[in-house]
Amino acid sequence: MLNVDPEQTDVYYRYKMPPLACKVEGRGNGIKTVILNIKEVADSLQRPAEILIKSMGTDLGVAMKLENDRWSLTGDHVKADPLKLQNRLYDFIRRGVLCRYKGCRNPETTYLIEKNKLLMRCKACSAKTEATVNDKVYASIYRLENEALQAEIAANKDRRSKDERQEEKWAESTRMSSSYAQQDLEEPEESAVRRESPVSILRSVVESGVAETVIVDKVFDLKQEFGMQEKDMTKLVFRTYFMAESAPNACMLIRSCAPVLRRFTNRNQMSILMEEAEHYAHSNQAIMFSKYPIFLFELMERGVVNENAVLTWHESVRHRGLQKELCVELRGICEPFMSLIRRFC
C-alpha cells in the first residue's frame, strides 16, 4: 500500500491506497493500457473513478474508454515508464484531493462548487481551498456533483410524499401524547376494570429505580400485551421519560435515559423519535424552544439519533397537529446549530 500523500514519510501515516495495477492490451493502433484496480484506488481517495481517469487522460492527451466495467487509456503507458501513470495520479492528488490550507494536506476532502469555483472542504480543519484541476476534469466533477444533487432532491421528494401520507397518523399520535397524563389523573371509578395505559405502566417501572435491562424487558412485555409495532415502542419509551414536568431538566434527562432510548431507536425509527421530540417541545414551548438546540445535541452526543436524522427533521416541516408558525420558529432557533452540523459532518 502507498501513502496517499506522496510527500508523507511518517511510518504511522494512516491514509493508504493501492498502487495502480496496469495491463497493456492490443497491438498497433488498438493498443491500450487498462487500469485494473481503478475502483479500489478511487475508493481510497473518495473520488469517482471517472475523475481519476479523466485527469490522467487529459494530462497525457489521450482518449479514455469504459468497456466491460474496465477503464482504459489509449496507448502504451507502461513500457517506457512504469511509474508514469502513478505519478500522474499523484499530480491529481496534490491538486484535487489534499487540503491546501496552511500545510494541512489532509486527504479527507469533499467537493463543492461556489461561484463557478471548484472548492475542497476539509473534514479535518474545515477550511475551503480551491482545487486546481484542468477544465475537462472540472466539467466532469461539476456534472457528477450535479447528478448527485438531483438524485438527492428526487429522493427527498419521495421521502416527503411518504411523510405527507403519515401526517394524519402523526396528528393522531400527537393528540394521544397530550392525553396520556390526563388518562392517569382522570380515570373514572370503573377504571379498576380498565387497563392502565402502557405509558403509566412503564413509568411506574422506571420510577421504581430498576436496572435498564428490566425496563427494556418490560417494554417488550408491553409490546406483546398491547400488540405494538416497532414505532410504537419508540413512542412509548420517549413519552415515558419525557413528561411536562420533566421539561426543565430535559437535557440532563437524556444522559440517564439514552441507553434505553438507543435500544428502541434504530436507523429506521430515528425520524419517529424526532417527531416525538418536536411534539414534546411544542407542548412545553416556554421552556423547550430556547434550549432545543442543546436538546438535539444531547440526543446526537449520546448516540440516540445521528446527524442525518437531525438535518432531515430540520429540512422537512410537518405541521399537522402543530402550529405551522411554531414549527418554522423552532427550526429558525435551531438554524445556527444546523449550520455547524453541515460544516463539520
Foldseek 3Di string as FASTA:
>chain_A
DAALQNVDDDPPRDQDADFFDWDWDDDDQQIKIWGDPLVRRCVSLVHDSVLLLQQLCVVVVFDWDQDPNIIITGDDPPPVPNCSSVVSSNVQCVQPAFDPPPPRGDRQWDWDADPNFIWTQHLPPLDIDGRPGDPVSSVVVVVVVVVVVVVVVVVLVVVVVVVVVCLVVLLVVLVVLVCLVVCVVPDDPVCVPPDRDLLVVLLVVVVVPDDLVVSLVSLVVVCVVVVDDLLVSLLSLVSNQQDLVCLQVLLVSCVVCVVNLQVSADQVNLLSNVSSVVSSCQVNVVRCLLCVLSSVVSCCVSPNYHLVSVVSQLVDQRANNHDSVVSPVSSVSCVVVNVVSVSND
